Amino acid sequence: MNATSSVTVRPNDPAKLLRTLCNHWRHKFEIERPDDDHARIPFSEVGPADFAVDGDALVITLYQPEAEPRERLQGVIASHLRRFERNEDLAFEWRTA
């Protein structure tokens, strides 16, 4: 499956934010977490998302070719990360692959 969109965000502590996100969604999805800096969350029928800590950034890659579900998932991810980061100004500029 090819990547369809991605974004790089710069939270205060990307590793902690990823850990919080995984803990939040682990009751709902079977999360793959090979190490502390990477995770894949399947998001059921919407498609998977990969999360990777890269220095001071968190890189998120989505795999959903249909625009409407992809945009909905982008919004869900952004709202959760802003809430967990306690920063409503956390910038999300999604790039389409």
PDB file of N, CA and C in Angstrom:
ATOM      1  N   MET A   1       0.849  -1.166   0.000  1.00  0.00           N
ATOM      2  CA  MET A   1       0.000   0.000   0.000  1.00  0.00           C
ATOM      3  C   MET A   1       0.902   1.239   0.000  1.00  0.00           C
ATOM      4  N   ASN A   2       0.627   2.179  -0.888  1.00  0.00           N
ATOM      5  CA  ASN A   2       1.441   3.385  -1.006  1.00  0.00           C
ATOM      6  C   ASN A   2       0.951   4.481  -0.073  1.00  0.00           C
ATOM      7  N   ALA A   3       1.887   5.293   0.401  1.00  0.00           N
ATOM      8  CA  ALA A   3       1.535   6.438   1.233  1.00  0.00           C
ATOM      9  C   ALA A   3       0.682   7.401   0.417  1.00  0.00           C
ATOM     10  N   THR A   4      -0.299   8.016   1.071  1.00  0.00           N
ATOM     11  CA  THR A   4      -1.180   8.950   0.373  1.00  0.00           C
ATOM     12  C   THR A   4      -1.072  10.365   0.908  1.00  0.00           C
ATOM     13  N   SER A   5      -0.660  10.528   2.163  1.00  0.00           N
ATOM     14  CA  SER A   5      -0.433  11.865   2.709  1.00  0.00           C
ATOM     15  C   SER A   5       0.483  11.749   3.917  1.00  0.00           C
ATOM     16  N   SER A   6       1.130  12.871   4.227  1.00  0.00           N
ATOM     17  CA  SER A   6       2.029  12.877   5.381  1.00  0.00           C
ATOM     18  C   SER A   6       2.117  14.287   5.947  1.00  0.00           C
ATOM     19  N   VAL A   7       2.592  14.348   7.173  1.00  0.00           N
ATOM     20  CA  VAL A   7       2.776  15.629   7.842  1.00  0.00           C
ATOM     21  C   VAL A   7       3.906  15.472   8.856  1.00  0.00           C
ATOM     22  N   THR A   8       4.622  16.555   9.076  1.00  0.00           N
ATOM     23  CA  THR A   8       5.637  16.603  10.121  1.00  0.00           C
ATOM     24  C   THR A   8       5.216  17.675  11.106  1.00  0.00           C
ATOM     25  N   VAL A   9       5.081  17.295  12.372  1.00  0.00           N
ATOM     26  CA  VAL A   9       4.714  18.244  13.425  1.00  0.00           C
ATOM     27  C   VAL A   9       5.849  18.321  14.433  1.00  0.00           C
ATOM     28  N   ARG A  10       5.907  19.421  15.154  1.00  0.00           N
ATOM     29  CA  ARG A  10       6.986  19.650  16.106  1.00  0.00           C
ATOM     30  C   ARG A  10       6.424  19.913  17.506  1.00  0.00           C
ATOM     31  N   PRO A  11       6.028  18.839  18.189  1.00  0.00           N
ATOM     32  CA  PRO A  11       5.546  18.995  19.566  1.00  0.00           C
ATOM     33  C   PRO A  11       6.726  19.186  20.525  1.00  0.00           C
ATOM     34  N   ASN A  12       6.427  19.510  21.771  1.00  0.00           N
ATOM     35  CA  ASN A  12       7.478  19.694  22.774  1.00  0.00           C
ATOM     36  C   ASN A  12       8.301  18.436  22.980  1.00  0.00           C
ATOM     37  N   ASP A  13       7.632  17.286  23.040  1.00  0.00           N
ATOM     38  CA  ASP A  13       8.306  16.014  23.275  1.00  0.00           C
ATOM     39  C   ASP A  13       7.659  14.958  22.379  1.00  0.00           C
ATOM     40  N   PRO A  14       8.187  14.764  21.156  1.00  0.00           N
ATOM     41  CA  PRO A  14       7.545  13.850  20.210  1.00  0.00           C
ATOM     42  C   PRO A  14       7.421  12.420  20.718  1.00  0.00           C
ATOM     43  N   ALA A  15       8.436  11.907  21.414  1.00  0.00           N
ATOM     44  CA  ALA A  15       8.380  10.524  21.913  1.00  0.00           C
ATOM     45  C   ALA A  15       7.282  10.366  22.958  1.00  0.00           C
ATOM     46  N   LYS A  16       7.161  11.335  23.839  1.00  0.00           N
ATOM     47  CA  LYS A  16       6.107  11.275  24.862  1.00  0.00           C
ATOM     48  C   LYS A  16       4.728  11.377  24.218  1.00  0.00           C
ATOM     49  N   LEU A  17       4.597  12.252  23.223  1.00  0.00           N
ATOM     50  CA  LEU A  17       3.314  12.398  22.543  1.00  0.00           C
ATOM     51  C   LEU A  17       2.930  11.110  21.821  1.00  0.00           C
ATOM     52  N   LEU A  18       3.884  10.446  21.182  1.00  0.00           N
ATOM     53  CA  LEU A  18       3.607   9.172  20.520  1.00  0.00           C
ATOM     54  C   LEU A  18       3.195   8.120  21.540  1.00  0.00           C
ATOM     55  N   ARG A  19       3.869   8.063  22.649  1.00  0.00           N
ATOM     56  CA  ARG A  19       3.523   7.107  23.714  1.00  0.00           C
ATOM     57  C   ARG A  19       2.098   7.355  24.220  1.00  0.00           C
ATOM     58  N   THR A  20       1.749   8.616  24.435  1.00  0.00           N
ATOM     59  CA  THR A  20       0.402   8.968  24.893  1.00  0.00           C
ATOM     60  C   THR A  20      -0.644   8.566  23.864  1.00  0.00           C
ATOM     61  N   LEU A  21      -0.362   8.841  22.602  1.00  0.00           N
ATOM     62  CA  LEU A  21      -1.287   8.490  21.526  1.00  0.00           C
ATOM     63  C   LEU A  21      -1.507   6.980  21.466  1.00  0.00           C
ATOM     64  N   CYS A  22      -0.436   6.214  21.546  1.00  0.00           N
ATOM     65  CA  CYS A  22      -0.542   4.751  21.505  1.00  0.00           C
ATOM     66  C   CYS A  22      -1.324   4.222  22.705  1.00  0.00           C
ATOM     67  N   ASN A  23      -1.063   4.770  23.881  1.00  0.00           N
ATOM     68  CA  ASN A  23      -1.802   4.346  25.070  1.00  0.00           C
ATOM     69  C   ASN A  23      -3.286   4.650  24.940  1.00  0.00           C
ATOM     70  N   HIS A  24      -3.598   5.762  24.329  1.00  0.00           N
ATOM     71  CA  HIS A  24      -4.995   6.147  24.152  1.00  0.00           C
ATOM     72  C   HIS A  24      -5.728   5.193  23.211  1.00  0.00           C
ATOM     73  N   TRP A  25      -5.092   4.829  22.100  1.00  0.00           N
ATOM     74  CA  TRP A  25      -5.771   4.026  21.081  1.00  0.00           C
ATOM     75  C   TRP A  25      -5.545   2.523  21.215  1.00  0.00           C
ATOM     76  N   ARG A  26      -4.742   2.080  22.164  1.00  0.00           N
ATOM     77  CA  ARG A  26      -4.446   0.646  22.250  1.00  0.00           C
ATOM     78  C   ARG A  26      -5.672  -0.192  22.622  1.00  0.00           C
ATOM     79  N   HIS A  27      -6.652   0.400  23.300  1.00  0.00           N
ATOM     80  CA  HIS A  27      -7.860  -0.345  23.652  1.00  0.00           C
ATOM     81  C   HIS A  27      -8.763  -0.569  22.445  1.00  0.00           C
ATOM     82  N   LYS A  28      -8.549   0.222  21.391  1.00  0.00           N
ATOM     83  CA  LYS A  28      -9.425   0.165  20.222  1.00  0.00           C
ATOM     84  C   LYS A  28      -8.781  -0.506  19.011  1.00  0.00           C
ATOM     85  N   PHE A  29      -7.448  -0.413  18.906  1.00  0.00           N
ATOM     86  CA  PHE A  29      -6.728  -0.935  17.752  1.00  0.00           C
ATOM     87  C   PHE A  29      -5.529  -1.760  18.192  1.00  0.00           C
ATOM     88  N   GLU A  30      -5.151  -2.712  17.355  1.00  0.00           N
ATOM     89  CA  GLU A  30      -3.955  -3.510  17.612  1.00  0.00           C
ATOM     90  C   GLU A  30      -2.747  -2.760  17.046  1.00  0.00           C
ATOM     91  N   ILE A  31      -2.080  -2.050  17.916  1.00  0.00           N
ATOM     92  CA  ILE A  31      -0.984  -1.169  17.515  1.00  0.00           C
ATOM     93  C   ILE A  31       0.307  -1.956  17.382  1.00  0.00           C
ATOM     94  N   GLU A  32       1.021  -1.716  16.288  1.00  0.00           N
ATOM     95  CA  GLU A  32       2.354  -2.289  16.098  1.00  0.00           C
ATOM     96  C   GLU A  32       3.355  -1.241  16.583  1.00  0.00           C
ATOM     97  N   ARG A  33       4.210  -1.635  17.526  1.00  0.00           N
ATOM     98  CA  ARG A  33       5.183  -0.692  18.084  1.00  0.00           C
ATOM     99  C   ARG A  33       6.524  -1.391  18.201  1.00  0.00           C
ATOM    100  N   PRO A  34       7.313  -1.425  17.123  1.00  0.00           N
ATOM    101  CA  PRO A  34       8.583  -2.148  17.145  1.00  0.00           C
ATOM    102  C   PRO A  34       9.618  -1.538  18.085  1.00  0.00           C
ATOM    103  N   ASP A  35       9.502  -0.226  18.336  1.00  0.00           N
ATOM    104  CA  ASP A  35      10.405   0.439  19.274  1.00  0.00           C
ATOM    105  C   ASP A  35       9.737   1.728  19.757  1.00  0.00           C
ATOM    106  N   ASP A  36      10.426   2.475  20.627  1.00  0.00           N
ATOM    107  CA  ASP A  36       9.837   3.677  21.219  1.00  0.00           C
ATOM    108  C   ASP A  36       9.595   4.807  20.221  1.00  0.00           C
ATOM    109  N   ASP A  37      10.261   4.756  19.077  1.00  0.00           N
ATOM    110  CA  ASP A  37      10.167   5.857  18.119  1.00  0.00           C
ATOM    111  C   ASP A  37       9.272   5.580  16.923  1.00  0.00           C
ATOM    112  N   HIS A  38       8.630   4.419  16.888  1.00  0.00           N
ATOM    113  CA  HIS A  38       7.789   4.062  15.743  1.00  0.00           C
ATOM    114  C   HIS A  38       6.503   3.373  16.202  1.00  0.00           C
ATOM    115  N   ALA A  39       5.443   3.617  15.443  1.00  0.00           N
ATOM    116  CA  ALA A  39       4.180   2.923  15.692  1.00  0.00           C
ATOM    117  C   ALA A  39       3.359   2.909  14.412  1.00  0.00           C
ATOM    118  N   ARG A  40       2.562   1.868  14.261  1.00  0.00           N
ATOM    119  CA  ARG A  40       1.570   1.792  13.183  1.00  0.00           C
ATOM    120  C   ARG A  40       0.230   1.512  13.850  1.00  0.00           C
ATOM    121  N   ILE A  41      -0.724   2.371  13.544  1.00  0.00           N
ATOM    122  CA  ILE A  41      -2.078   2.216  14.080  1.00  0.00           C
ATOM    123  C   ILE A  41      -2.986   1.905  12.891  1.00  0.00           C
ATOM    124  N   PRO A  42      -3.719   0.779  12.931  1.00  0.00           N
ATOM    125  CA  PRO A  42      -4.487   0.351  11.759  1.00  0.00           C
ATOM    126  C   PRO A  42      -5.749   1.157  11.463  1.00  0.00           C
ATOM    127  N   PHE A  43      -6.362   1.821  12.423  1.00  0.00           N
ATOM    128  CA  PHE A  43      -7.578   2.614  12.211  1.00  0.00           C
ATOM    129  C   PHE A  43      -8.642   1.885  11.397  1.00  0.00           C
ATOM    130  N   SER A  44      -8.850   0.627  11.667  1.00  0.00           N
ATOM    131  CA  SER A  44      -9.922  -0.195  11.067  1.00  0.00           C
ATOM    132  C   SER A  44     -10.022  -0.023   9.563  1.00  0.00           C
ATOM    133  N   GLU A  45     -11.239   0.270   9.085  1.00  0.00           N
ATOM    134  CA  GLU A  45     -11.482   0.340   7.645  1.00  0.00           C
ATOM    135  C   GLU A  45     -10.913   1.609   7.007  1.00  0.00           C
ATOM    136  N   VAL A  46     -10.500   2.582   7.801  1.00  0.00           N
ATOM    137  CA  VAL A  46      -9.981   3.832   7.247  1.00  0.00           C
ATOM    138  C   VAL A  46      -8.573   3.638   6.681  1.00  0.00           C
ATOM    139  N   GLY A  47      -7.827   2.727   7.240  1.00  0.00           N
ATOM    140  CA  GLY A  47      -6.473   2.465   6.761  1.00  0.00           C
ATOM    141  C   GLY A  47      -5.442   2.800   7.817  1.00  0.00           C
ATOM    142  N   PRO A  48      -4.225   2.292   7.652  1.00  0.00           N
ATOM    143  CA  PRO A  48      -3.199   2.489   8.669  1.00  0.00           C
ATOM    144  C   PRO A  48      -2.545   3.867   8.607  1.00  0.00           C
ATOM    145  N   ALA A  49      -1.930   4.215   9.730  1.00  0.00           N
ATOM    146  CA  ALA A  49      -1.101   5.416   9.816  1.00  0.00           C
ATOM    147  C   ALA A  49       0.185   5.027  10.526  1.00  0.00           C
ATOM    148  N   ASP A  50       1.294   5.492   9.987  1.00  0.00           N
ATOM    149  CA  ASP A  50       2.599   5.279  10.609  1.00  0.00           C
ATOM    150  C   ASP A  50       3.021   6.562  11.311  1.00  0.00           C
ATOM    151  N   PHE A  51       3.616   6.392  12.489  1.00  0.00           N
ATOM    152  CA  PHE A  51       4.103   7.506  13.289  1.00  0.00           C
ATOM    153  C   PHE A  51       5.573   7.235  13.572  1.00  0.00           C
ATOM    154  N   ALA A  52       6.426   8.240  13.350  1.00  0.00           N
ATOM    155  CA  ALA A  52       7.857   8.066  13.587  1.00  0.00           C
ATOM    156  C   ALA A  52       8.436   9.321  14.219  1.00  0.00           C
ATOM    157  N   VAL A  53       9.141   9.144  15.327  1.00  0.00           N
ATOM    158  CA  VAL A  53       9.864  10.243  15.946  1.00  0.00           C
ATOM    159  C   VAL A  53      11.145  10.435  15.150  1.00  0.00           C
ATOM    160  N   ASP A  54      11.383  11.681  14.742  1.00  0.00           N
ATOM    161  CA  ASP A  54      12.578  12.025  13.975  1.00  0.00           C
ATOM    162  C   ASP A  54      13.180  13.278  14.607  1.00  0.00           C
ATOM    163  N   GLY A  55      14.082  13.077  15.559  1.00  0.00           N
ATOM    164  CA  GLY A  55      14.662  14.203  16.283  1.00  0.00           C
ATOM    165  C   GLY A  55      13.616  14.929  17.092  1.00  0.00           C
ATOM    166  N   ASP A  56      13.386  16.206  16.780  1.00  0.00           N
ATOM    167  CA  ASP A  56      12.394  17.006  17.510  1.00  0.00           C
ATOM    168  C   ASP A  56      11.033  17.006  16.819  1.00  0.00           C
ATOM    169  N   ALA A  57      10.822  16.079  15.895  1.00  0.00           N
ATOM    170  CA  ALA A  57       9.588  16.054  15.110  1.00  0.00           C
ATOM    171  C   ALA A  57       8.897  14.698  15.200  1.00  0.00           C
ATOM    172  N   LEU A  58       7.611  14.723  14.895  1.00  0.00           N
ATOM    173  CA  LEU A  58       6.825  13.507  14.749  1.00  0.00           C
ATOM    174  C   LEU A  58       6.314  13.492  13.310  1.00  0.00           C
ATOM    175  N   VAL A  59       6.702  12.459  12.555  1.00  0.00           N
ATOM    176  CA  VAL A  59       6.305  12.327  11.154  1.00  0.00           C
ATOM    177  C   VAL A  59       5.165  11.320  11.087  1.00  0.00           C
ATOM    178  N   ILE A  60       4.073  11.723  10.458  1.00  0.00           N
ATOM    179  CA  ILE A  60       2.880  10.876  10.356  1.00  0.00           C
ATOM    180  C   ILE A  60       2.602  10.627   8.879  1.00  0.00           C
ATOM    181  N   THR A  61       2.425   9.349   8.522  1.00  0.00           N
ATOM    182  CA  THR A  61       2.158   8.964   7.137  1.00  0.00           C
ATOM    183  C   THR A  61       0.866   8.149   7.095  1.00  0.00           C
ATOM    184  N   LEU A  62      -0.058   8.554   6.224  1.00  0.00           N
ATOM    185  CA  LEU A  62      -1.338   7.854   6.074  1.00  0.00           C
ATOM    186  C   LEU A  62      -1.349   7.039   4.789  1.00  0.00           C
ATOM    187  N   TYR A  63      -2.170   5.991   4.798  1.00  0.00           N
ATOM    188  CA  TYR A  63      -2.317   5.090   3.652  1.00  0.00           C
ATOM    189  C   TYR A  63      -3.797   4.925   3.358  1.00  0.00           C
ATOM    190  N   GLN A  64      -4.422   5.946   2.793  1.00  0.00           N
ATOM    191  CA  GLN A  64      -5.842   5.912   2.450  1.00  0.00           C
ATOM    192  C   GLN A  64      -6.023   6.675   1.145  1.00  0.00           C
ATOM    193  N   PRO A  65      -6.273   5.951   0.028  1.00  0.00           N
ATOM    194  CA  PRO A  65      -6.357   6.603  -1.273  1.00  0.00           C
ATOM    195  C   PRO A  65      -7.606   7.462  -1.480  1.00  0.00           C
ATOM    196  N   GLU A  66      -8.661   7.228  -0.727  1.00  0.00           N
ATOM    197  CA  GLU A  66      -9.904   7.990  -0.921  1.00  0.00           C
ATOM    198  C   GLU A  66      -9.864   9.277  -0.097  1.00  0.00           C
ATOM    199  N   ALA A  67     -10.201  10.382  -0.748  1.00  0.00           N
ATOM    200  CA  ALA A  67     -10.044  11.706  -0.141  1.00  0.00           C
ATOM    201  C   ALA A  67     -10.864  11.889   1.136  1.00  0.00           C
ATOM    202  N   GLU A  68     -12.131  11.548   1.127  1.00  0.00           N
ATOM    203  CA  GLU A  68     -12.995  11.827   2.280  1.00  0.00           C
ATOM    204  C   GLU A  68     -12.536  11.096   3.546  1.00  0.00           C
ATOM    205  N   PRO A  69     -12.310   9.766   3.498  1.00  0.00           N
ATOM    206  CA  PRO A  69     -11.840   9.115   4.724  1.00  0.00           C
ATOM    207  C   PRO A  69     -10.450   9.590   5.144  1.00  0.00           C
ATOM    208  N   ARG A  70      -9.597   9.907   4.171  1.00  0.00           N
ATOM    209  CA  ARG A  70      -8.248  10.393   4.497  1.00  0.00           C
ATOM    210  C   ARG A  70      -8.337  11.732   5.229  1.00  0.00           C
ATOM    211  N   GLU A  71      -9.155  12.648   4.734  1.00  0.00           N
ATOM    212  CA  GLU A  71      -9.301  13.957   5.364  1.00  0.00           C
ATOM    213  C   GLU A  71      -9.925  13.841   6.752  1.00  0.00           C
ATOM    214  N   ARG A  72     -10.864  12.915   6.905  1.00  0.00           N
ATOM    215  CA  ARG A  72     -11.476  12.683   8.220  1.00  0.00           C
ATOM    216  C   ARG A  72     -10.423  12.179   9.207  1.00  0.00           C
ATOM    217  N   LEU A  73      -9.585  11.222   8.772  1.00  0.00           N
ATOM    218  CA  LEU A  73      -8.540  10.677   9.638  1.00  0.00           C
ATOM    219  C   LEU A  73      -7.500  11.749   9.971  1.00  0.00           C
ATOM    220  N   GLN A  74      -7.154  12.583   9.007  1.00  0.00           N
ATOM    221  CA  GLN A  74      -6.224  13.678   9.275  1.00  0.00           C
ATOM    222  C   GLN A  74      -6.766  14.570  10.397  1.00  0.00           C
ATOM    223  N   GLY A  75      -8.044  14.865  10.341  1.00  0.00           N
ATOM    224  CA  GLY A  75      -8.671  15.697  11.370  1.00  0.00           C
ATOM    225  C   GLY A  75      -8.683  15.028  12.731  1.00  0.00           C
ATOM    226  N   VAL A  76      -8.981  13.731  12.762  1.00  0.00           N
ATOM    227  CA  VAL A  76      -8.996  12.982  14.024  1.00  0.00           C
ATOM    228  C   VAL A  76      -7.603  12.969  14.653  1.00  0.00           C
ATOM    229  N   ILE A  77      -6.601  12.687  13.849  1.00  0.00           N
ATOM    230  CA  ILE A  77      -5.227  12.641  14.357  1.00  0.00           C
ATOM    231  C   ILE A  77      -4.811  14.010  14.872  1.00  0.00           C
ATOM    232  N   ALA A  78      -5.071  15.057  14.097  1.00  0.00           N
ATOM    233  CA  ALA A  78      -4.686  16.411  14.501  1.00  0.00           C
ATOM    234  C   ALA A  78      -5.368  16.812  15.807  1.00  0.00           C
ATOM    235  N   SER A  79      -6.657  16.544  15.927  1.00  0.00           N
ATOM    236  CA  SER A  79      -7.368  16.957  17.145  1.00  0.00           C
ATOM    237  C   SER A  79      -6.863  16.200  18.369  1.00  0.00           C
ATOM    238  N   HIS A  80      -6.557  14.915  18.220  1.00  0.00           N
ATOM    239  CA  HIS A  80      -6.028  14.144  19.350  1.00  0.00           C
ATOM    240  C   HIS A  80      -4.643  14.644  19.756  1.00  0.00           C
ATOM    241  N   LEU A  81      -3.776  14.877  18.776  1.00  0.00           N
ATOM    242  CA  LEU A  81      -2.426  15.328  19.111  1.00  0.00           C
ATOM    243  C   LEU A  81      -2.442  16.705  19.744  1.00  0.00           C
ATOM    244  N   ARG A  82      -3.279  17.599  19.259  1.00  0.00           N
ATOM    245  CA  ARG A  82      -3.384  18.935  19.875  1.00  0.00           C
ATOM    246  C   ARG A  82      -3.880  18.828  21.317  1.00  0.00           C
ATOM    247  N   ARG A  83      -4.847  17.968  21.537  1.00  0.00           N
ATOM    248  CA  ARG A  83      -5.386  17.803  22.886  1.00  0.00           C
ATOM    249  C   ARG A  83      -4.343  17.205  23.818  1.00  0.00           C
ATOM    250  N   PHE A  84      -3.645  16.163  23.371  1.00  0.00           N
ATOM    251  CA  PHE A  84      -2.634  15.520  24.215  1.00  0.00           C
ATOM    252  C   PHE A  84      -1.433  16.435  24.443  1.00  0.00           C
ATOM    253  N   GLU A  85      -1.094  17.234  23.462  1.00  0.00           N
ATOM    254  CA  GLU A  85       0.030  18.169  23.554  1.00  0.00           C
ATOM    255  C   GLU A  85      -0.365  19.407  24.368  1.00  0.00           C
ATOM    256  N   ARG A  86      -1.677  19.585  24.530  1.00  0.00           N
ATOM    257  CA  ARG A  86      -2.224  20.782  25.179  1.00  0.00           C
ATOM    258  C   ARG A  86      -1.773  22.046  24.444  1.00  0.00           C
ATOM    259  N   ASN A  87      -1.823  21.937  23.102  1.00  0.00           N
ATOM    260  CA  ASN A  87      -1.391  23.039  22.263  1.00  0.00           C
ATOM    261  C   ASN A  87      -2.305  23.107  21.041  1.00  0.00           C
ATOM    262  N   GLU A  88      -3.294  23.958  21.114  1.00  0.00           N
ATOM    263  CA  GLU A  88      -4.237  24.098  20.010  1.00  0.00           C
ATOM    264  C   GLU A  88      -3.573  24.698  18.770  1.00  0.00           C
ATOM    265  N   ASP A  89      -2.375  25.270  18.929  1.00  0.00           N
ATOM    266  CA  ASP A  89      -1.683  25.892  17.805  1.00  0.00           C
ATOM    267  C   ASP A  89      -0.723  24.940  17.086  1.00  0.00           C
ATOM    268  N   LEU A  90      -0.635  23.685  17.517  1.00  0.00           N
ATOM    269  CA  LEU A  90       0.243  22.719  16.861  1.00  0.00           C
ATOM    270  C   LEU A  90      -0.139  22.649  15.382  1.00  0.00           C
ATOM    271  N   ALA A  91       0.825  22.943  14.507  1.00  0.00           N
ATOM    272  CA  ALA A  91       0.540  23.096  13.075  1.00  0.00           C
ATOM    273  C   ALA A  91       0.546  21.762  12.333  1.00  0.00           C
ATOM    274  N   PHE A  92      -0.467  21.573  11.483  1.00  0.00           N
ATOM    275  CA  PHE A  92      -0.582  20.394  10.630  1.00  0.00           C
ATOM    276  C   PHE A  92      -0.761  20.853   9.187  1.00  0.00           C
ATOM    277  N   GLU A  93       0.274  20.675   8.380  1.00  0.00           N
ATOM    278  CA  GLU A  93       0.188  21.003   6.959  1.00  0.00           C
ATOM    279  C   GLU A  93       0.389  19.698   6.192  1.00  0.00           C
ATOM    280  N   TRP A  94      -0.720  18.986   5.968  1.00  0.00           N
ATOM    281  CA  TRP A  94      -0.683  17.687   5.309  1.00  0.00           C
ATOM    282  C   TRP A  94      -0.239  17.836   3.862  1.00  0.00           C
ATOM    283  N   ARG A  95       0.612  16.940   3.420  1.00  0.00           N
ATOM    284  CA  ARG A  95       1.070  16.884   2.029  1.00  0.00           C
ATOM    285  C   ARG A  95       0.506  15.610   1.395  1.00  0.00           C
ATOM    286  N   THR A  96      -0.049  15.749   0.220  1.00  0.00           N
ATOM    287  CA  THR A  96      -0.561  14.591  -0.501  1.00  0.00           C
ATOM    288  C   THR A  96       0.583  13.971  -1.295  1.00  0.00           C
ATOM    289  N   ALA A  97       0.674  12.629  -1.232  1.00  0.00           N
ATOM    290  CA  ALA A  97       1.752  11.920  -1.931  1.00  0.00           C
ATOM    291  C   ALA A  97       1.487  11.862  -3.415  1.00  0.00           C
TER     292      ALA A  97
END
